[in-house]
Amino acid sequence: MSSRIYSDLVAKKRNSKTYPNQTAMQRHIAFFDRNADGIVYPTETYAGFRALGFNLLISVTTALAFHILHVSYFTSPSWIPSPLFPVYVETIHWAKHGSDTETFNEEGQFEEGKFERIFRKYDRGHKDGLYYSEIVNMWRGNRNVLDVVGWAFQVFLWSYLWLLAADRNGVLHKEDVRKQYDGTLYYEIEKKRRAGDLLPWYRGGAIFGIL
């Protein structure tokens, strides 16, 4: 079986795999579970970012930061850290950090009211979207006292989302943000990349289509 056919089958499995009690946060992270086994390793996060069109440097540094600095240990069922830095999809809500929008609650469920509050408060032009400057205002408004890690990860996550999905006018649209929360945006973008719609280099895309 060719690698392309295999990857298509795995993607279909990830897309169609349903769980009666699966949370939005679990669906959000499942895109990076490239073999759909319930565990995300750094190599899979790297592969996921490459599938979204990001360049080599961003993909490597993101995978290392995501797994080593924050998420891996907090999703682990063991008190002993794993040298492989796995992230467990089932317990991803254990890694929820502060200084965020609270659109994911403590159980990883999507909170519609909190989501709507983002745009009601920070979308100044009623355009159903956010400019990067408005995202910066949101970070400032959501900061918790002494929560350096939570604030840093909000900057990291929203910056990459803006690079990935903002339109040519720099607007990150509300529906794309919504789809990001349940992970469906990632599958749509991966499909576009395979069809040749590449992420520009100035948005973090691959340099010369390779690096």
C-alpha atoms as a PDB file:
ATOM      1  CA  MET A   1       0.000   0.000   0.000  1.00  0.00           C
ATOM      2  CA  SER A   2       1.400   3.427  -0.916  1.00  0.00           C
ATOM      3  CA  SER A   3       2.074   5.976   1.795  1.00  0.00           C
ATOM      4  CA  ARG A   4      -0.454   8.341   0.175  1.00  0.00           C
ATOM      5  CA  ILE A   5      -3.228   5.724   0.237  1.00  0.00           C
ATOM      6  CA  TYR A   6      -2.331   4.813   3.823  1.00  0.00           C
ATOM      7  CA  SER A   7      -2.416   8.453   4.959  1.00  0.00           C
ATOM      8  CA  ASP A   8      -5.796   8.914   3.242  1.00  0.00           C
ATOM      9  CA  LEU A   9      -7.192   5.910   5.077  1.00  0.00           C
ATOM     10  CA  VAL A  10      -5.893   7.129   8.425  1.00  0.00           C
ATOM     11  CA  ALA A  11      -7.309  10.603   7.784  1.00  0.00           C
ATOM     12  CA  LYS A  12     -10.680   9.058   6.956  1.00  0.00           C
ATOM     13  CA  LYS A  13     -10.488   6.986  10.128  1.00  0.00           C
ATOM     14  CA  ARG A  14      -9.700  10.072  12.215  1.00  0.00           C
ATOM     15  CA  ASN A  15     -12.533  12.000  10.575  1.00  0.00           C
ATOM     16  CA  SER A  16     -15.141   9.297  10.926  1.00  0.00           C
ATOM     17  CA  LYS A  17     -14.090   7.984  14.317  1.00  0.00           C
ATOM     18  CA  THR A  18     -16.818   8.962  16.733  1.00  0.00           C
ATOM     19  CA  TYR A  19     -17.128   8.519  20.466  1.00  0.00           C
ATOM     20  CA  PRO A  20     -20.411   8.982  22.329  1.00  0.00           C
ATOM     21  CA  ASN A  21     -18.807  11.205  24.943  1.00  0.00           C
ATOM     22  CA  GLN A  22     -15.969  12.775  22.967  1.00  0.00           C
ATOM     23  CA  THR A  23     -15.431  16.404  23.904  1.00  0.00           C
ATOM     24  CA  ALA A  24     -14.690  19.328  21.611  1.00  0.00           C
ATOM     25  CA  MET A  25     -11.170  19.516  23.044  1.00  0.00           C
ATOM     26  CA  GLN A  26     -10.558  15.857  22.193  1.00  0.00           C
ATOM     27  CA  ARG A  27     -11.746  16.459  18.633  1.00  0.00           C
ATOM     28  CA  HIS A  28      -9.574  19.576  18.544  1.00  0.00           C
ATOM     29  CA  ILE A  29      -6.406  17.592  19.292  1.00  0.00           C
ATOM     30  CA  ALA A  30      -7.331  14.405  17.392  1.00  0.00           C
ATOM     31  CA  PHE A  31      -6.137  15.863  14.079  1.00  0.00           C
ATOM     32  CA  PHE A  32      -2.583  15.494  15.350  1.00  0.00           C
ATOM     33  CA  ASP A  33      -3.150  11.852  16.300  1.00  0.00           C
ATOM     34  CA  ARG A  34      -1.979  10.829  12.867  1.00  0.00           C
ATOM     35  CA  ASN A  35      -2.418   7.078  13.367  1.00  0.00           C
ATOM     36  CA  ALA A  36      -5.631   7.423  15.408  1.00  0.00           C
ATOM     37  CA  ASP A  37      -4.388   5.403  18.384  1.00  0.00           C
ATOM     38  CA  GLY A  38      -5.389   7.912  21.059  1.00  0.00           C
ATOM     39  CA  ILE A  39      -1.827   9.084  21.755  1.00  0.00           C
ATOM     40  CA  VAL A  40      -0.046  11.994  20.078  1.00  0.00           C
ATOM     41  CA  TYR A  41       3.759  11.897  19.937  1.00  0.00           C
ATOM     42  CA  PRO A  42       6.003  14.837  18.992  1.00  0.00           C
ATOM     43  CA  THR A  43       6.609  13.306  15.571  1.00  0.00           C
ATOM     44  CA  GLU A  44       2.848  13.312  14.943  1.00  0.00           C
ATOM     45  CA  THR A  45       2.471  16.943  15.990  1.00  0.00           C
ATOM     46  CA  TYR A  46       5.335  17.764  13.636  1.00  0.00           C
ATOM     47  CA  ALA A  47       3.595  15.821  10.848  1.00  0.00           C
ATOM     48  CA  GLY A  48       0.309  17.592  11.578  1.00  0.00           C
ATOM     49  CA  PHE A  49       1.880  21.033  11.306  1.00  0.00           C
ATOM     50  CA  ARG A  50       3.596  20.058   8.081  1.00  0.00           C
ATOM     51  CA  ALA A  51       0.242  18.804   6.738  1.00  0.00           C
ATOM     52  CA  LEU A  52      -1.217  22.229   7.545  1.00  0.00           C
ATOM     53  CA  GLY A  53       1.514  23.806   5.433  1.00  0.00           C
ATOM     54  CA  PHE A  54       3.885  25.202   8.046  1.00  0.00           C
ATOM     55  CA  ASN A  55       7.605  25.202   7.379  1.00  0.00           C
ATOM     56  CA  LEU A  56      10.205  22.920   8.924  1.00  0.00           C
ATOM     57  CA  LEU A  57      11.365  25.341  11.625  1.00  0.00           C
ATOM     58  CA  ILE A  58       7.882  26.168  12.897  1.00  0.00           C
ATOM     59  CA  SER A  59       6.811  22.525  12.838  1.00  0.00           C
ATOM     60  CA  VAL A  60       9.830  21.306  14.807  1.00  0.00           C
ATOM     61  CA  THR A  61       9.803  24.062  17.427  1.00  0.00           C
ATOM     62  CA  THR A  62       6.040  23.779  17.890  1.00  0.00           C
ATOM     63  CA  ALA A  63       6.169  20.035  18.431  1.00  0.00           C
ATOM     64  CA  LEU A  64       8.946  20.370  21.002  1.00  0.00           C
ATOM     65  CA  ALA A  65       7.299  23.258  22.855  1.00  0.00           C
ATOM     66  CA  PHE A  66       3.841  21.697  22.859  1.00  0.00           C
ATOM     67  CA  HIS A  67       4.969  18.330  24.186  1.00  0.00           C
ATOM     68  CA  ILE A  68       7.962  19.112  26.382  1.00  0.00           C
ATOM     69  CA  LEU A  69       7.112  22.482  27.908  1.00  0.00           C
ATOM     70  CA  HIS A  70       3.418  22.084  28.594  1.00  0.00           C
ATOM     71  CA  VAL A  71       1.013  19.383  27.491  1.00  0.00           C
ATOM     72  CA  SER A  72       2.614  15.943  27.715  1.00  0.00           C
ATOM     73  CA  TYR A  73       3.116  15.533  31.447  1.00  0.00           C
ATOM     74  CA  PHE A  74      -0.259  16.965  32.392  1.00  0.00           C
ATOM     75  CA  THR A  75      -2.194  14.465  30.261  1.00  0.00           C
ATOM     76  CA  SER A  76      -0.207  11.484  31.500  1.00  0.00           C
ATOM     77  CA  PRO A  77      -1.867   8.846  33.708  1.00  0.00           C
ATOM     78  CA  SER A  78       1.480   8.383  35.490  1.00  0.00           C
ATOM     79  CA  TRP A  79       3.367  10.616  37.882  1.00  0.00           C
ATOM     80  CA  ILE A  80       6.595   9.556  36.159  1.00  0.00           C
ATOM     81  CA  PRO A  81       7.356  11.621  33.038  1.00  0.00           C
ATOM     82  CA  SER A  82       7.766   9.684  29.797  1.00  0.00           C
ATOM     83  CA  PRO A  83      10.902  10.357  27.739  1.00  0.00           C
ATOM     84  CA  LEU A  84       8.725  10.002  24.616  1.00  0.00           C
ATOM     85  CA  PHE A  85       6.555  12.983  25.674  1.00  0.00           C
ATOM     86  CA  PRO A  86       3.188  11.501  24.632  1.00  0.00           C
ATOM     87  CA  VAL A  87      -0.042  13.478  24.796  1.00  0.00           C
ATOM     88  CA  TYR A  88      -3.130  11.437  25.647  1.00  0.00           C
ATOM     89  CA  VAL A  89      -6.233  12.502  23.743  1.00  0.00           C
ATOM     90  CA  GLU A  90      -8.607  11.123  26.372  1.00  0.00           C
ATOM     91  CA  THR A  91      -7.182  13.326  29.136  1.00  0.00           C
ATOM     92  CA  ILE A  92      -6.296  16.422  27.101  1.00  0.00           C
ATOM     93  CA  HIS A  93      -8.543  18.530  29.371  1.00  0.00           C
ATOM     94  CA  TRP A  94      -6.058  17.965  32.208  1.00  0.00           C
ATOM     95  CA  ALA A  95      -3.683  20.268  30.318  1.00  0.00           C
ATOM     96  CA  LYS A  96      -6.112  23.188  30.101  1.00  0.00           C
ATOM     97  CA  HIS A  97      -4.219  26.353  30.990  1.00  0.00           C
ATOM     98  CA  GLY A  98      -5.268  29.707  32.370  1.00  0.00           C
ATOM     99  CA  SER A  99      -5.359  33.144  30.723  1.00  0.00           C
ATOM    100  CA  ASP A 100      -7.529  31.729  27.932  1.00  0.00           C
ATOM    101  CA  THR A 101     -10.965  32.545  26.526  1.00  0.00           C
ATOM    102  CA  GLU A 102     -12.597  29.774  28.618  1.00  0.00           C
ATOM    103  CA  THR A 103     -14.337  28.547  25.471  1.00  0.00           C
ATOM    104  CA  PHE A 104     -13.209  25.093  26.579  1.00  0.00           C
ATOM    105  CA  ASN A 105     -14.456  24.411  30.085  1.00  0.00           C
ATOM    106  CA  GLU A 106     -12.634  22.310  32.672  1.00  0.00           C
ATOM    107  CA  GLU A 107     -14.009  19.110  31.120  1.00  0.00           C
ATOM    108  CA  GLY A 108     -13.006  20.082  27.585  1.00  0.00           C
ATOM    109  CA  GLN A 109     -16.545  20.880  26.467  1.00  0.00           C
ATOM    110  CA  PHE A 110     -17.249  23.789  24.120  1.00  0.00           C
ATOM    111  CA  GLU A 111     -18.966  26.765  25.769  1.00  0.00           C
ATOM    112  CA  GLU A 112     -21.046  28.632  23.195  1.00  0.00           C
ATOM    113  CA  GLY A 113     -21.555  31.673  25.415  1.00  0.00           C
ATOM    114  CA  LYS A 114     -17.834  32.114  26.033  1.00  0.00           C
ATOM    115  CA  PHE A 115     -17.146  31.746  22.325  1.00  0.00           C
ATOM    116  CA  GLU A 116     -19.675  34.431  21.415  1.00  0.00           C
ATOM    117  CA  ARG A 117     -18.194  36.697  24.088  1.00  0.00           C
ATOM    118  CA  ILE A 118     -14.858  36.769  22.214  1.00  0.00           C
ATOM    119  CA  PHE A 119     -16.410  38.500  19.221  1.00  0.00           C
ATOM    120  CA  ARG A 120     -18.941  40.542  21.136  1.00  0.00           C
ATOM    121  CA  LYS A 121     -16.121  42.094  23.156  1.00  0.00           C
ATOM    122  CA  TYR A 122     -13.187  42.284  20.743  1.00  0.00           C
ATOM    123  CA  ASP A 123     -14.623  42.432  17.210  1.00  0.00           C
ATOM    124  CA  ARG A 124     -14.746  46.205  16.991  1.00  0.00           C
ATOM    125  CA  GLY A 125     -16.071  46.500  13.452  1.00  0.00           C
ATOM    126  CA  HIS A 126     -18.793  43.814  13.725  1.00  0.00           C
ATOM    127  CA  LYS A 127     -17.153  41.979  10.822  1.00  0.00           C
ATOM    128  CA  ASP A 128     -17.558  38.486  12.338  1.00  0.00           C
ATOM    129  CA  GLY A 129     -13.829  38.200  12.702  1.00  0.00           C
ATOM    130  CA  LEU A 130     -10.707  39.534  14.386  1.00  0.00           C
ATOM    131  CA  TYR A 131      -7.706  41.481  13.195  1.00  0.00           C
ATOM    132  CA  TYR A 132      -4.414  40.530  14.783  1.00  0.00           C
ATOM    133  CA  SER A 133      -4.470  43.752  16.819  1.00  0.00           C
ATOM    134  CA  GLU A 134      -7.831  42.700  18.261  1.00  0.00           C
ATOM    135  CA  ILE A 135      -6.412  39.301  19.161  1.00  0.00           C
ATOM    136  CA  VAL A 136      -3.647  41.122  21.051  1.00  0.00           C
ATOM    137  CA  ASN A 137      -6.309  43.085  22.952  1.00  0.00           C
ATOM    138  CA  MET A 138      -8.004  39.783  23.794  1.00  0.00           C
ATOM    139  CA  TRP A 139      -4.764  38.356  25.226  1.00  0.00           C
ATOM    140  CA  ARG A 140      -4.383  41.386  27.438  1.00  0.00           C
ATOM    141  CA  GLY A 141      -7.961  41.107  28.613  1.00  0.00           C
ATOM    142  CA  ASN A 142      -7.642  37.407  29.454  1.00  0.00           C
ATOM    143  CA  ARG A 143      -4.356  37.511  31.357  1.00  0.00           C
ATOM    144  CA  ASN A 144      -4.397  36.023  34.845  1.00  0.00           C
ATOM    145  CA  VAL A 145      -2.000  37.317  37.485  1.00  0.00           C
ATOM    146  CA  LEU A 146       1.433  35.616  37.359  1.00  0.00           C
ATOM    147  CA  ASP A 147       0.212  33.109  34.751  1.00  0.00           C
ATOM    148  CA  VAL A 148       3.167  33.450  32.387  1.00  0.00           C
ATOM    149  CA  VAL A 149       2.755  29.960  30.908  1.00  0.00           C
ATOM    150  CA  GLY A 150      -0.953  30.354  30.169  1.00  0.00           C
ATOM    151  CA  TRP A 151      -0.490  33.750  28.576  1.00  0.00           C
ATOM    152  CA  ALA A 152       2.473  32.534  26.493  1.00  0.00           C
ATOM    153  CA  PHE A 153       0.492  29.617  25.121  1.00  0.00           C
ATOM    154  CA  GLN A 154      -2.426  31.860  24.215  1.00  0.00           C
ATOM    155  CA  VAL A 155      -0.042  34.055  22.216  1.00  0.00           C
ATOM    156  CA  PHE A 156       1.425  30.966  20.584  1.00  0.00           C
ATOM    157  CA  LEU A 157      -1.889  29.281  19.707  1.00  0.00           C
ATOM    158  CA  TRP A 158      -3.771  32.318  18.433  1.00  0.00           C
ATOM    159  CA  SER A 159      -0.777  33.567  16.435  1.00  0.00           C
ATOM    160  CA  TYR A 160      -0.514  30.264  14.592  1.00  0.00           C
ATOM    161  CA  LEU A 161      -4.271  30.211  14.028  1.00  0.00           C
ATOM    162  CA  TRP A 162      -4.128  33.710  12.551  1.00  0.00           C
ATOM    163  CA  LEU A 163      -1.208  32.760  10.285  1.00  0.00           C
ATOM    164  CA  LEU A 164      -3.061  29.659   9.180  1.00  0.00           C
ATOM    165  CA  ALA A 165      -6.567  30.941   8.585  1.00  0.00           C
ATOM    166  CA  ALA A 166      -6.760  34.758   8.370  1.00  0.00           C
ATOM    167  CA  ASP A 167      -7.872  36.074   5.005  1.00  0.00           C
ATOM    168  CA  ARG A 168      -5.916  38.430   2.721  1.00  0.00           C
ATOM    169  CA  ASN A 169      -7.215  41.424   4.655  1.00  0.00           C
ATOM    170  CA  GLY A 170      -5.876  40.013   7.906  1.00  0.00           C
ATOM    171  CA  VAL A 171      -9.266  39.013   9.314  1.00  0.00           C
ATOM    172  CA  LEU A 172      -9.554  35.730  11.205  1.00  0.00           C
ATOM    173  CA  HIS A 173     -13.189  34.815  10.605  1.00  0.00           C
ATOM    174  CA  LYS A 174     -15.506  33.710  13.372  1.00  0.00           C
ATOM    175  CA  GLU A 175     -16.586  30.475  11.687  1.00  0.00           C
ATOM    176  CA  ASP A 176     -12.970  29.439  11.146  1.00  0.00           C
ATOM    177  CA  VAL A 177     -12.278  30.005  14.826  1.00  0.00           C
ATOM    178  CA  ARG A 178     -15.333  27.913  15.686  1.00  0.00           C
ATOM    179  CA  LYS A 179     -14.146  25.098  13.414  1.00  0.00           C
ATOM    180  CA  GLN A 180     -10.714  25.276  14.995  1.00  0.00           C
ATOM    181  CA  TYR A 181     -12.214  24.485  18.391  1.00  0.00           C
ATOM    182  CA  ASP A 182     -13.614  21.146  17.221  1.00  0.00           C
ATOM    183  CA  GLY A 183     -10.737  20.426  14.840  1.00  0.00           C
ATOM    184  CA  THR A 184     -12.715  20.434  11.586  1.00  0.00           C
ATOM    185  CA  LEU A 185     -10.763  23.449  10.300  1.00  0.00           C
ATOM    186  CA  TYR A 186      -7.561  21.422  10.300  1.00  0.00           C
ATOM    187  CA  TYR A 187      -8.988  18.703   8.050  1.00  0.00           C
ATOM    188  CA  GLU A 188     -10.297  21.305   5.616  1.00  0.00           C
ATOM    189  CA  ILE A 189      -6.924  23.029   5.430  1.00  0.00           C
ATOM    190  CA  GLU A 190      -5.034  19.758   5.024  1.00  0.00           C
ATOM    191  CA  LYS A 191      -7.292  18.948   2.055  1.00  0.00           C
ATOM    192  CA  LYS A 192      -6.516  22.357   0.521  1.00  0.00           C
ATOM    193  CA  ARG A 193      -2.786  21.822   0.938  1.00  0.00           C
ATOM    194  CA  ARG A 194      -2.996  18.482  -0.850  1.00  0.00           C
ATOM    195  CA  ALA A 195      -4.847  20.210  -3.672  1.00  0.00           C
ATOM    196  CA  GLY A 196      -1.973  22.663  -4.082  1.00  0.00           C
ATOM    197  CA  ASP A 197      -3.283  25.638  -2.095  1.00  0.00           C
ATOM    198  CA  LEU A 198      -0.065  26.278  -0.164  1.00  0.00           C
ATOM    199  CA  LEU A 199       0.466  28.476   2.874  1.00  0.00           C
ATOM    200  CA  PRO A 200       2.527  31.536   1.821  1.00  0.00           C
ATOM    201  CA  TRP A 201       6.057  31.727   3.188  1.00  0.00           C
ATOM    202  CA  TYR A 202       5.267  35.031   4.942  1.00  0.00           C
ATOM    203  CA  ARG A 203       2.529  33.214   6.867  1.00  0.00           C
ATOM    204  CA  GLY A 204       4.943  30.495   7.990  1.00  0.00           C
ATOM    205  CA  GLY A 205       4.646  28.304   4.920  1.00  0.00           C
ATOM    206  CA  ALA A 206       7.325  26.062   3.484  1.00  0.00           C
ATOM    207  CA  ILE A 207      10.258  27.864   1.903  1.00  0.00           C
ATOM    208  CA  PHE A 208      10.726  26.849  -1.753  1.00  0.00           C
ATOM    209  CA  GLY A 209       7.850  24.430  -1.135  1.00  0.00           C
ATOM    210  CA  ILE A 210      10.191  22.118   0.810  1.00  0.00           C
ATOM    211  CA  LEU A 211      11.687  23.530   4.013  1.00  0.00           C
END
